[in-house]
Amino acid sequence: MPNNLYSSMYNPDVLSCLANLSNDEVFTPPEIVNQMLDMLPQELFNDANTTFLDPACKSGVFLREIAKRLIYGLETEIPNLQERLDHIFHNQLYGISITELTSLLSRRSVYCSKYPNSKYSVSVFNDVSGNIRFKKIQHRWVNGRCAFCGASQKEYQRDESLETHAYEMIHTAKPEDIFNMKFDVIIGNPPYQLSDGGYGISAMPIYDKFITQAKKLKPRYLSMIVPARWFAGGKGLDEFRREMLHDDRIRVIHDFPEAIDCFPGVQIKGGVCFFLWERDNRGDCAVITHRGDSVNEPVSRKLLEDGCSTFIRHNEAIEILRKVKCFGEPSMEACVSSRQPFGLSTTFHGNKVKKHNDIKIFENEGVSFTIRDAITKNIDMIDKYKVFIPRAGSGSDAFPHPILGKPFVGTIGTACSETYIFIGPYSSRVECENVISYITTRLFRFLAMLKRSTQSTTRSIYTFVPVQDFSKSWTDEELYMKYDINEEEIAFIESMIRPMDLTDGDDNGK
């Protein structure tokens, strides 16, 4: 494809450099943009009537790469290069920038001038914005939060000179009024989250709102790259997840379990994905998984397995899960506590010295002691055997991954802060140790991984893990035989899950 107009001006590619920066508003590498554009019917780029919108311009890379394809695709229909450029930039490409700075960057990338009404612009407009607009929007505060995006008033009610991060696309009830036109293709990489004013670094996802608003415009095609946490969970995403997973217009999903394989140098817990939604074409979805330099062959399937409320992101896992589920065994989820199982927060710290009748507390800084009256939930569990396990998962995002932190026996007279959850109750220490043997198996943690969307391991991730006979201990070999897991499936499980060795740490329950 001849792209002399752009190639002579981008060497090295500044957008590739920007894509390597780590930021909540992640810049998209040009090669990923082109993978997304490759999903579209390529005849769109041969049609002078096709219209494109990027509703969250940062670097302008989406519009720039679309322009390259149109410049080539319309060569026959509009032979004169300047006429072709004027038609493409004035009539086919539109963008909404997320900040004033990114509006300038996007115009520089697309028009080769941050001011498209200047003589340096490859296509001259009558104003300084061209078709890449930025309008400073204010949040609409209701009870301390924005009614549109959920942002915290304390965090985002700012001085006039600062960015509000009130993105135009999602701060209107009528997105169709922004440009007052219809679009064939909406494509982009929206901002992912905003602080909601909760404890610590609590944040509300907003990428789902961009997708929802885009659908209101009824484009023929919609493609966005977003965090993959919506597959299984995520704060405030329940309704969005249900709608997406039941939408048979999602025809392609490219899944990156490790975000670094898509965005070099960027860590996004749970990975990222990009998808193609087709308004007029329903059916199964082609799921493609990317792991490092390896790309799986597409597998066409429904987004929800029968009886599942979660998207199983790994194609190889489908048959393994089916083999386990066909036994009809009860789920370990029923044995697992909720977060803050004894009513003690993560910040709880007891006494370092035990007093008469104090109970032992496993907490963030190790072991402490407190009076029984400090326990407000699951009081009956204090004097029962149980298994404690860290609520935060273990290790980095890289596979093979341990998935879970190391479990230990909770003896009689023990409780924990929110740092842990418990599994139980059980009749004896031996039974607890048998449960722990099961947790250390790769199959147990593999099944938990299928529901895990963030580092936090809540009760719901144990949904697919079946209860076993805990009068005995368990090994992977026994479980593989029981569920008829074949060698290829075993190899996949073991490529994903790291062995768990309990011998290199203290038994905190003793």
Protein backbone atom coordinates (compact mmCIF):
# COMPACT_ATOMS: atom_id res chain seq x y z
CA MET A 1 0.00 0.00 0.00
CA PRO A 2 1.58 3.36 -1.00
CA ASN A 3 1.61 5.55 2.11
CA ASN A 4 4.23 8.10 1.07
CA LEU A 5 2.20 10.97 2.48
CA TYR A 6 2.64 9.65 6.01
CA SER A 7 5.72 7.44 5.85
CA SER A 8 7.94 10.37 4.94
CA MET A 9 6.79 12.24 8.03
CA TYR A 10 6.95 9.53 10.68
CA ASN A 11 10.42 8.08 10.99
CA PRO A 12 10.73 6.86 13.68
CA ASP A 13 7.01 6.50 14.30
CA VAL A 14 6.24 8.85 17.19
CA LEU A 15 2.99 6.95 17.80
CA SER A 16 4.93 3.74 18.40
CA CYS A 17 7.00 5.64 20.96
CA LEU A 18 3.89 6.98 22.67
CA ALA A 19 2.40 3.49 22.76
CA ASN A 20 5.25 2.42 25.01
CA LEU A 21 4.38 4.95 27.70
CA SER A 22 2.54 3.69 30.78
CA ASN A 23 -0.58 5.72 31.56
CA ASP A 24 -4.19 5.12 32.57
CA GLU A 25 -5.10 6.54 29.18
CA VAL A 26 -3.11 4.01 27.19
CA PHE A 27 -1.85 4.93 23.72
CA THR A 28 -2.49 2.27 21.10
CA PRO A 29 0.41 0.86 19.04
CA PRO A 30 -0.12 1.30 15.28
CA GLU A 31 0.27 -2.45 14.70
CA ILE A 32 -2.65 -3.15 17.07
CA VAL A 33 -4.75 -0.50 15.31
CA ASN A 34 -4.12 -2.26 12.02
CA GLN A 35 -5.10 -5.62 13.48
CA MET A 36 -8.38 -4.01 14.50
CA LEU A 37 -8.86 -2.48 11.05
CA ASP A 38 -8.12 -5.86 9.46
CA MET A 39 -11.27 -7.25 11.13
CA LEU A 40 -13.45 -4.86 9.12
CA PRO A 41 -14.66 -5.66 5.59
CA GLN A 42 -11.89 -4.14 3.49
CA GLU A 43 -14.31 -2.85 0.87
CA LEU A 44 -15.20 -0.13 3.38
CA PHE A 45 -11.91 1.52 2.47
CA ASN A 46 -12.84 1.54 -1.23
CA ASP A 47 -16.07 3.43 -0.62
CA ALA A 48 -16.03 7.22 -0.62
CA ASN A 49 -19.25 7.25 1.43
CA THR A 50 -17.93 5.26 4.43
CA THR A 51 -17.71 7.35 7.61
CA PHE A 52 -15.48 6.66 10.61
CA LEU A 53 -15.51 7.99 14.19
CA ASP A 54 -12.90 7.67 16.93
CA PRO A 55 -14.81 8.79 20.06
CA ALA A 56 -11.70 8.91 22.27
CA CYS A 57 -8.78 10.33 20.28
CA LYS A 58 -5.44 10.38 22.07
CA SER A 59 -2.67 10.18 19.48
CA GLY A 60 -4.85 10.16 16.36
CA VAL A 61 -3.44 6.78 15.38
CA PHE A 62 -6.81 5.23 14.48
CA LEU A 63 -7.77 8.04 12.11
CA ARG A 64 -4.27 8.15 10.67
CA GLU A 65 -4.23 4.44 9.84
CA ILE A 66 -7.75 4.63 8.40
CA ALA A 67 -6.63 7.58 6.26
CA LYS A 68 -3.77 5.50 4.84
CA ARG A 69 -6.18 2.80 3.72
CA LEU A 70 -8.64 5.28 2.23
CA ILE A 71 -5.92 7.15 0.36
CA TYR A 72 -5.02 3.88 -1.36
CA GLY A 73 -8.55 2.48 -1.65
CA LEU A 74 -10.06 5.57 -3.31
CA GLU A 75 -7.24 6.11 -5.79
CA THR A 76 -9.32 4.86 -8.72
CA GLU A 77 -12.49 6.69 -7.74
CA ILE A 78 -10.73 10.00 -6.97
CA PRO A 79 -7.46 10.00 -8.96
CA ASN A 80 -6.31 13.51 -7.97
CA LEU A 81 -4.41 13.18 -4.68
CA GLN A 82 -5.39 16.57 -3.22
CA GLU A 83 -9.04 16.09 -4.10
CA ARG A 84 -8.85 12.64 -2.53
CA LEU A 85 -7.28 14.00 0.67
CA ASP A 86 -9.83 16.79 0.92
CA HIS A 87 -12.71 14.35 0.50
CA ILE A 88 -11.33 11.86 3.06
CA PHE A 89 -10.48 14.40 5.76
CA HIS A 90 -13.58 16.57 5.32
CA ASN A 91 -16.21 13.88 4.74
CA GLN A 92 -15.06 10.53 6.11
CA LEU A 93 -12.90 10.90 9.23
CA TYR A 94 -14.16 12.29 12.55
CA GLY A 95 -12.77 12.27 16.06
CA ILE A 96 -13.57 13.40 19.60
CA SER A 97 -10.44 14.08 21.65
CA ILE A 98 -10.28 13.30 25.36
CA THR A 99 -8.15 16.31 26.34
CA GLU A 100 -7.00 19.56 24.75
CA LEU A 101 -3.46 18.19 24.52
CA THR A 102 -4.54 15.02 22.73
CA SER A 103 -6.65 17.08 20.34
CA LEU A 104 -3.49 18.88 19.23
CA LEU A 105 -1.55 15.63 19.01
CA SER A 106 -4.33 13.94 17.04
CA ARG A 107 -4.60 16.79 14.54
CA ARG A 108 -0.84 16.79 14.11
CA SER A 109 -0.93 13.04 13.43
CA VAL A 110 -3.85 13.12 11.01
CA TYR A 111 -3.59 16.49 9.26
CA CYS A 112 0.20 16.88 9.70
CA SER A 113 -0.54 20.15 11.51
CA LYS A 114 -2.08 20.75 14.92
CA TYR A 115 -3.96 23.64 13.28
CA PRO A 116 -5.84 22.30 10.23
CA ASN A 117 -6.67 25.81 9.02
CA SER A 118 -2.96 26.53 8.49
CA LYS A 119 -0.99 26.22 5.27
CA TYR A 120 0.87 23.22 6.73
CA SER A 121 -2.26 21.05 6.92
CA VAL A 122 -2.49 18.42 4.19
CA SER A 123 -6.15 19.40 3.83
CA VAL A 124 -7.16 22.91 4.83
CA PHE A 125 -10.22 23.55 7.02
CA ASN A 126 -11.90 26.83 7.92
CA ASP A 127 -11.33 26.42 11.66
CA VAL A 128 -8.67 25.22 14.10
CA SER A 129 -10.40 21.90 14.88
CA GLY A 130 -11.14 20.31 11.53
CA ASN A 131 -13.14 17.17 12.16
CA ILE A 132 -11.25 16.35 15.38
CA ARG A 133 -13.08 18.24 18.05
CA PHE A 134 -12.45 18.94 21.70
CA LYS A 135 -15.01 20.57 23.93
CA LYS A 136 -14.29 21.12 27.58
CA ILE A 137 -17.18 19.48 29.39
CA GLN A 138 -18.08 19.81 33.05
CA HIS A 139 -19.19 16.89 35.21
CA ARG A 140 -22.77 16.94 36.49
CA TRP A 141 -22.42 16.46 40.25
CA VAL A 142 -25.12 14.59 42.14
CA ASN A 143 -24.42 13.64 45.76
CA GLY A 144 -20.67 13.93 45.29
CA ARG A 145 -20.39 11.97 42.04
CA CYS A 146 -20.87 12.64 38.35
CA ALA A 147 -24.27 11.48 37.16
CA PHE A 148 -22.75 10.41 33.81
CA CYS A 149 -19.45 8.71 34.66
CA GLY A 150 -19.40 8.20 38.44
CA ALA A 151 -16.26 10.31 38.98
CA SER A 152 -15.65 11.67 42.47
CA GLN A 153 -16.49 15.37 42.90
CA LYS A 154 -13.67 15.62 45.44
CA GLU A 155 -11.18 14.34 42.85
CA TYR A 156 -12.40 16.04 39.68
CA GLN A 157 -13.97 19.37 40.63
CA ARG A 158 -10.87 21.26 39.57
CA ASP A 159 -9.41 24.63 38.77
CA GLU A 160 -10.46 26.00 35.38
CA SER A 161 -6.93 25.55 34.05
CA LEU A 162 -6.92 21.78 34.67
CA GLU A 163 -8.47 18.99 32.62
CA THR A 164 -11.82 17.84 33.96
CA HIS A 165 -11.65 14.38 32.33
CA ALA A 166 -15.35 14.77 31.61
CA TYR A 167 -15.25 13.07 28.24
CA GLU A 168 -17.76 14.45 25.74
CA MET A 169 -18.84 11.09 24.33
CA ILE A 170 -20.14 9.84 27.68
CA HIS A 171 -21.37 13.13 29.16
CA THR A 172 -24.47 13.47 27.04
CA ALA A 173 -27.78 11.67 26.82
CA LYS A 174 -27.79 12.19 23.04
CA PRO A 175 -24.39 11.29 21.53
CA GLU A 176 -25.96 11.54 18.07
CA ASP A 177 -26.08 15.33 18.50
CA ILE A 178 -22.28 15.68 18.76
CA PHE A 179 -21.72 15.55 15.00
CA ASN A 180 -25.37 15.28 13.96
CA MET A 181 -24.60 12.45 11.56
CA LYS A 182 -24.45 8.69 11.34
CA PHE A 183 -21.25 6.62 11.22
CA ASP A 184 -20.55 3.34 9.51
CA VAL A 185 -17.61 2.51 11.79
CA ILE A 186 -16.89 3.57 15.38
CA ILE A 187 -13.46 2.48 16.52
CA GLY A 188 -11.05 3.46 19.29
CA ASN A 189 -9.37 2.92 22.64
CA PRO A 190 -11.38 4.74 25.32
CA PRO A 191 -10.12 5.81 28.76
CA TYR A 192 -10.47 2.92 31.18
CA GLN A 193 -11.35 4.31 34.61
CA LEU A 194 -11.76 7.34 36.88
CA SER A 195 -11.36 7.62 40.64
CA ASP A 196 -14.72 7.25 42.37
CA GLY A 197 -13.54 8.62 45.71
CA GLY A 198 -13.48 5.23 47.42
CA TYR A 199 -10.84 3.90 49.78
CA GLY A 200 -7.25 3.90 48.53
CA ILE A 201 -7.08 3.72 44.74
CA SER A 202 -10.73 2.81 44.22
CA ALA A 203 -11.82 3.55 40.66
CA MET A 204 -14.93 3.24 38.53
CA PRO A 205 -14.59 1.72 35.04
CA ILE A 206 -15.78 4.02 32.25
CA TYR A 207 -14.79 2.12 29.10
CA ASP A 208 -18.14 0.32 29.24
CA LYS A 209 -19.90 3.68 28.97
CA PHE A 210 -18.07 4.46 25.72
CA ILE A 211 -19.22 1.15 24.25
CA THR A 212 -22.80 1.71 25.39
CA GLN A 213 -22.86 5.24 23.94
CA ALA A 214 -21.34 4.03 20.68
CA LYS A 215 -24.11 1.45 20.28
CA LYS A 216 -26.69 4.23 20.64
CA LEU A 217 -25.32 5.69 17.40
CA LYS A 218 -26.17 2.41 15.62
CA PRO A 219 -22.99 2.10 13.55
CA ARG A 220 -22.66 -0.79 11.15
CA TYR A 221 -19.43 -1.81 12.87
CA LEU A 222 -18.03 -1.11 16.34
CA SER A 223 -14.55 -2.03 17.52
CA MET A 224 -12.84 -1.01 20.75
CA ILE A 225 -9.86 -2.15 22.77
CA VAL A 226 -10.57 -2.31 26.50
CA PRO A 227 -9.58 -4.14 29.70
CA ALA A 228 -10.76 -7.76 29.68
CA ARG A 229 -12.02 -7.69 33.28
CA TRP A 230 -15.59 -7.51 31.99
CA PHE A 231 -15.30 -11.17 30.94
CA ALA A 232 -15.75 -12.36 34.52
CA GLY A 233 -16.36 -9.43 36.87
CA GLY A 234 -15.30 -5.93 37.71
CA LYS A 235 -16.71 -3.11 39.78
CA GLY A 236 -19.95 -1.73 38.37
CA LEU A 237 -19.84 -3.97 35.31
CA ASP A 238 -22.51 -6.58 36.06
CA GLU A 239 -25.20 -5.21 33.73
CA PHE A 240 -22.68 -4.35 31.02
CA ARG A 241 -21.18 -7.85 31.20
CA ARG A 242 -24.59 -9.51 30.94
CA GLU A 243 -25.50 -7.38 27.92
CA MET A 244 -22.20 -8.04 26.16
CA LEU A 245 -22.11 -11.78 26.78
CA HIS A 246 -25.64 -12.20 25.45
CA ASP A 247 -25.00 -10.05 22.38
CA ASP A 248 -24.56 -12.32 19.36
CA ARG A 249 -23.49 -9.34 17.23
CA ILE A 250 -20.00 -9.59 18.76
CA ARG A 251 -18.41 -11.62 15.98
CA VAL A 252 -14.67 -11.48 16.82
CA ILE A 253 -12.70 -11.14 20.06
CA HIS A 254 -8.92 -10.90 20.22
CA ASP A 255 -7.90 -11.66 23.80
CA PHE A 256 -4.57 -10.76 25.45
CA PRO A 257 -4.47 -12.39 28.93
CA GLU A 258 -1.21 -10.49 29.52
CA ALA A 259 -1.67 -6.84 28.58
CA ILE A 260 2.05 -6.44 27.93
CA ASP A 261 1.59 -8.56 24.77
CA CYS A 262 -0.62 -5.77 23.42
CA PHE A 263 0.69 -2.65 25.15
CA PRO A 264 4.46 -2.93 25.66
CA GLY A 265 5.48 -1.89 29.16
CA VAL A 266 1.91 -1.50 30.45
CA GLN A 267 0.43 -3.60 33.26
CA ILE A 268 -3.36 -4.01 33.21
CA LYS A 269 -4.63 -6.65 35.60
CA GLY A 270 -6.73 -9.24 33.80
CA GLY A 271 -5.33 -8.36 30.38
CA VAL A 272 -7.04 -6.58 27.48
CA CYS A 273 -9.13 -7.44 24.47
CA PHE A 274 -10.44 -5.89 21.30
CA PHE A 275 -13.62 -6.95 19.54
CA LEU A 276 -15.69 -6.48 16.41
CA TRP A 277 -19.44 -5.86 16.79
CA GLU A 278 -21.58 -6.02 13.65
CA ARG A 279 -25.02 -4.46 13.72
CA ASP A 280 -26.47 -6.55 10.88
CA ASN A 281 -24.68 -9.86 11.36
CA ARG A 282 -25.50 -12.23 14.19
CA GLY A 283 -23.90 -15.56 15.08
CA ASP A 284 -21.12 -17.22 17.04
CA CYS A 285 -17.96 -15.33 17.96
CA ALA A 286 -14.47 -16.13 16.66
CA VAL A 287 -12.22 -16.08 19.74
CA ILE A 288 -8.48 -15.61 19.19
CA THR A 289 -6.02 -15.74 22.10
CA HIS A 290 -2.62 -14.02 22.01
CA ARG A 291 0.19 -15.26 24.24
CA GLY A 292 3.55 -13.63 23.61
CA ASP A 293 4.36 -14.24 19.95
CA SER A 294 1.87 -17.10 19.77
CA VAL A 295 -1.62 -16.59 18.34
CA ASN A 296 -4.19 -19.38 18.59
CA GLU A 297 -6.33 -20.37 15.64
CA PRO A 298 -9.80 -18.78 15.90
CA VAL A 299 -12.44 -20.91 17.58
CA SER A 300 -16.03 -20.05 16.71
CA ARG A 301 -18.27 -20.39 19.76
CA LYS A 302 -20.93 -18.75 21.86
CA LEU A 303 -19.65 -16.28 24.43
CA LEU A 304 -21.44 -18.18 27.20
CA GLU A 305 -21.08 -21.90 27.71
CA ASP A 306 -24.32 -23.65 28.72
CA GLY A 307 -24.90 -23.10 32.43
CA CYS A 308 -22.14 -20.49 32.72
CA SER A 309 -22.49 -16.80 33.50
CA THR A 310 -18.83 -16.13 32.71
CA PHE A 311 -16.93 -15.94 29.45
CA ILE A 312 -14.27 -18.68 29.31
CA ARG A 313 -11.46 -16.77 27.67
CA HIS A 314 -9.16 -19.71 26.89
CA ASN A 315 -10.44 -21.87 24.04
CA GLU A 316 -8.45 -24.87 25.31
CA ALA A 317 -10.26 -24.65 28.65
CA ILE A 318 -13.74 -25.27 27.23
CA GLU A 319 -13.45 -29.04 26.91
CA ILE A 320 -11.66 -29.35 30.28
CA LEU A 321 -14.46 -27.47 32.02
CA ARG A 322 -17.09 -29.59 30.27
CA LYS A 323 -15.42 -32.77 31.52
CA VAL A 324 -15.44 -31.48 35.11
CA LYS A 325 -18.98 -30.13 34.99
CA CYS A 326 -20.47 -33.36 33.65
CA PHE A 327 -19.93 -34.97 37.08
CA GLY A 328 -22.56 -32.64 38.54
CA GLU A 329 -20.64 -32.14 41.79
CA PRO A 330 -21.41 -29.27 44.19
CA SER A 331 -19.22 -26.18 43.94
CA MET A 332 -16.52 -25.11 46.36
CA GLU A 333 -18.03 -21.63 46.17
CA ALA A 334 -20.54 -22.64 48.83
CA CYS A 335 -17.66 -23.44 51.22
CA VAL A 336 -15.89 -20.10 50.80
CA SER A 337 -16.53 -17.03 52.94
CA SER A 338 -17.31 -13.57 51.66
CA ARG A 339 -14.72 -10.80 51.96
CA GLN A 340 -14.15 -9.41 55.49
CA PRO A 341 -15.29 -12.80 56.84
CA PHE A 342 -15.13 -11.90 60.54
CA GLY A 343 -16.02 -8.22 60.23
CA LEU A 344 -12.40 -7.08 60.55
CA SER A 345 -11.07 -4.75 57.86
CA THR A 346 -7.66 -4.99 56.21
CA THR A 347 -6.44 -2.18 58.45
CA PHE A 348 -7.27 -4.07 61.66
CA HIS A 349 -4.33 -4.64 64.02
CA GLY A 350 -4.72 -6.55 67.25
CA ASN A 351 -2.45 -6.90 70.26
CA LYS A 352 0.94 -8.54 69.88
CA VAL A 353 0.66 -10.17 73.31
CA LYS A 354 -2.11 -12.65 74.06
CA LYS A 355 -4.32 -12.00 77.05
CA HIS A 356 -6.60 -14.48 78.78
CA ASN A 357 -9.32 -15.79 76.40
CA ASP A 358 -8.03 -13.75 73.45
CA ILE A 359 -8.34 -15.33 70.03
CA LYS A 360 -5.60 -15.45 67.39
CA ILE A 361 -6.07 -13.15 64.38
CA PHE A 362 -4.30 -13.59 61.07
CA GLU A 363 -3.98 -10.10 59.65
CA ASN A 364 -1.99 -7.94 57.27
CA GLU A 365 1.08 -7.70 59.50
CA GLY A 366 1.12 -11.32 60.63
CA VAL A 367 -0.46 -12.67 63.81
CA SER A 368 -2.10 -10.68 66.59
CA PHE A 369 -4.69 -11.25 69.31
CA THR A 370 -8.02 -9.69 70.22
CA ILE A 371 -11.07 -10.26 72.39
CA ARG A 372 -13.92 -12.37 71.04
CA ASP A 373 -16.32 -9.43 71.20
CA ALA A 374 -14.33 -7.78 68.39
CA ILE A 375 -15.72 -10.40 65.98
CA THR A 376 -19.00 -9.32 64.39
CA LYS A 377 -19.48 -11.96 61.65
CA ASN A 378 -19.21 -15.77 61.51
CA ILE A 379 -18.74 -15.95 65.26
CA ASP A 380 -19.52 -19.68 65.18
CA MET A 381 -16.51 -20.26 62.90
CA ILE A 382 -13.98 -19.13 65.52
CA ASP A 383 -13.98 -22.52 67.25
CA LYS A 384 -14.09 -24.63 64.12
CA TYR A 385 -11.40 -25.88 61.78
CA LYS A 386 -11.12 -24.00 58.52
CA VAL A 387 -8.59 -23.13 55.82
CA PHE A 388 -7.36 -19.56 55.46
CA ILE A 389 -6.22 -18.27 52.08
CA PRO A 390 -5.06 -14.76 51.09
CA ARG A 391 -7.76 -12.70 49.39
CA ALA A 392 -5.17 -11.16 47.08
CA GLY A 393 -3.81 -13.49 44.44
CA SER A 394 -0.14 -14.27 44.17
CA GLY A 395 2.60 -13.26 41.77
CA SER A 396 2.76 -11.25 38.55
CA ASP A 397 0.56 -11.50 35.47
CA ALA A 398 3.07 -13.74 33.68
CA PHE A 399 2.16 -17.36 32.96
CA PRO A 400 2.61 -19.92 34.37
CA HIS A 401 0.96 -18.24 37.35
CA PRO A 402 0.24 -19.47 40.91
CA ILE A 403 -3.24 -17.80 40.77
CA LEU A 404 -3.81 -18.15 44.53
CA GLY A 405 -1.81 -17.33 47.62
CA LYS A 406 -0.68 -20.12 49.96
CA PRO A 407 -3.40 -21.60 52.17
CA PHE A 408 -2.92 -22.70 55.77
CA VAL A 409 -4.95 -24.37 58.52
CA GLY A 410 -7.07 -22.20 60.76
CA THR A 411 -7.27 -24.08 64.04
CA ILE A 412 -9.85 -23.71 66.80
CA GLY A 413 -9.76 -20.25 68.35
CA THR A 414 -8.69 -18.36 65.23
CA ALA A 415 -10.13 -15.70 62.93
CA CYS A 416 -8.76 -13.33 60.29
CA SER A 417 -8.96 -9.82 58.95
CA GLU A 418 -10.09 -8.95 55.41
CA THR A 419 -6.57 -9.84 54.25
CA TYR A 420 -7.81 -13.47 54.13
CA ILE A 421 -10.94 -15.41 53.42
CA PHE A 422 -11.72 -18.85 54.83
CA ILE A 423 -12.89 -22.17 53.39
CA GLY A 424 -14.85 -24.47 55.67
CA PRO A 425 -15.82 -25.49 58.27
CA TYR A 426 -14.16 -28.91 58.55
CA SER A 427 -14.18 -31.54 61.25
CA SER A 428 -10.45 -31.86 61.90
CA ARG A 429 -7.02 -30.55 61.11
CA VAL A 430 -6.43 -33.59 58.89
CA GLU A 431 -9.48 -32.73 56.78
CA CYS A 432 -8.18 -29.16 56.43
CA GLU A 433 -4.82 -30.49 55.28
CA ASN A 434 -6.59 -32.60 52.67
CA VAL A 435 -8.40 -29.48 51.44
CA ILE A 436 -5.03 -27.74 51.20
CA SER A 437 -3.65 -30.64 49.17
CA TYR A 438 -6.52 -30.06 46.75
CA ILE A 439 -5.88 -26.30 46.56
CA THR A 440 -2.23 -26.92 45.71
CA THR A 441 -3.18 -28.98 42.65
CA ARG A 442 -2.88 -27.28 39.34
CA LEU A 443 -6.37 -28.35 38.28
CA PHE A 444 -7.96 -26.61 41.30
CA ARG A 445 -6.17 -23.35 40.55
CA PHE A 446 -6.77 -23.68 36.80
CA LEU A 447 -10.53 -23.89 37.38
CA ALA A 448 -10.31 -20.88 39.72
CA MET A 449 -8.36 -18.97 37.06
CA LEU A 450 -11.28 -19.29 34.63
CA LYS A 451 -13.33 -16.95 36.86
CA ARG A 452 -10.50 -14.72 38.05
CA SER A 453 -10.57 -11.24 36.53
CA THR A 454 -8.35 -9.29 38.94
CA GLN A 455 -5.75 -10.02 41.60
CA SER A 456 -8.50 -10.08 44.23
CA THR A 457 -9.76 -13.65 44.72
CA THR A 458 -13.34 -13.41 45.93
CA ARG A 459 -15.71 -16.30 46.58
CA SER A 460 -17.07 -16.27 43.02
CA ILE A 461 -13.80 -17.49 41.46
CA TYR A 462 -14.36 -20.92 43.08
CA THR A 463 -17.62 -21.47 41.13
CA PHE A 464 -16.14 -24.00 38.69
CA VAL A 465 -14.13 -25.90 41.35
CA PRO A 466 -15.99 -29.04 42.47
CA VAL A 467 -16.05 -30.35 46.04
CA GLN A 468 -14.05 -33.56 46.59
CA ASP A 469 -13.98 -36.27 49.26
CA PHE A 470 -11.75 -34.65 51.89
CA SER A 471 -11.28 -37.79 53.94
CA LYS A 472 -8.20 -38.20 51.72
CA SER A 473 -5.56 -35.97 50.18
CA TRP A 474 -5.47 -35.19 46.45
CA THR A 475 -2.89 -34.97 43.68
CA ASP A 476 -3.14 -33.73 40.13
CA GLU A 477 -2.54 -37.24 38.83
CA GLU A 478 -5.63 -38.50 40.66
CA LEU A 479 -7.73 -35.57 39.45
CA TYR A 480 -6.54 -35.91 35.84
CA MET A 481 -7.52 -39.57 35.92
CA LYS A 482 -10.89 -38.91 37.56
CA TYR A 483 -11.92 -36.30 34.99
CA ASP A 484 -10.26 -38.01 32.01
CA ILE A 485 -7.98 -35.05 31.26
CA ASN A 486 -5.81 -36.03 28.30
CA GLU A 487 -2.12 -35.29 27.75
CA GLU A 488 -2.71 -32.26 25.55
CA GLU A 489 -5.08 -30.76 28.11
CA ILE A 490 -2.63 -31.51 30.93
CA ALA A 491 0.13 -29.74 29.01
CA PHE A 492 -2.10 -26.68 28.63
CA ILE A 493 -3.04 -26.63 32.32
CA GLU A 494 0.58 -26.92 33.34
CA SER A 495 1.63 -24.17 30.91
CA MET A 496 -0.78 -21.85 32.71
CA ILE A 497 -0.43 -22.86 36.37
CA ARG A 498 2.76 -22.89 38.41
CA PRO A 499 3.32 -25.60 41.04
CA MET A 500 2.55 -24.51 44.60
CA ASP A 501 5.22 -25.48 47.12
CA LEU A 502 4.12 -25.10 50.74
CA THR A 503 7.43 -26.25 52.22
CA ASP A 504 9.22 -22.93 51.78
CA GLY A 505 7.00 -21.01 54.14
CA ASP A 506 5.75 -21.19 57.73
CA ASP A 507 2.58 -23.04 58.58
CA ASN A 508 0.77 -20.03 60.02
CA GLY A 509 -2.00 -22.19 61.38
CA LYS A 510 0.17 -24.06 63.86
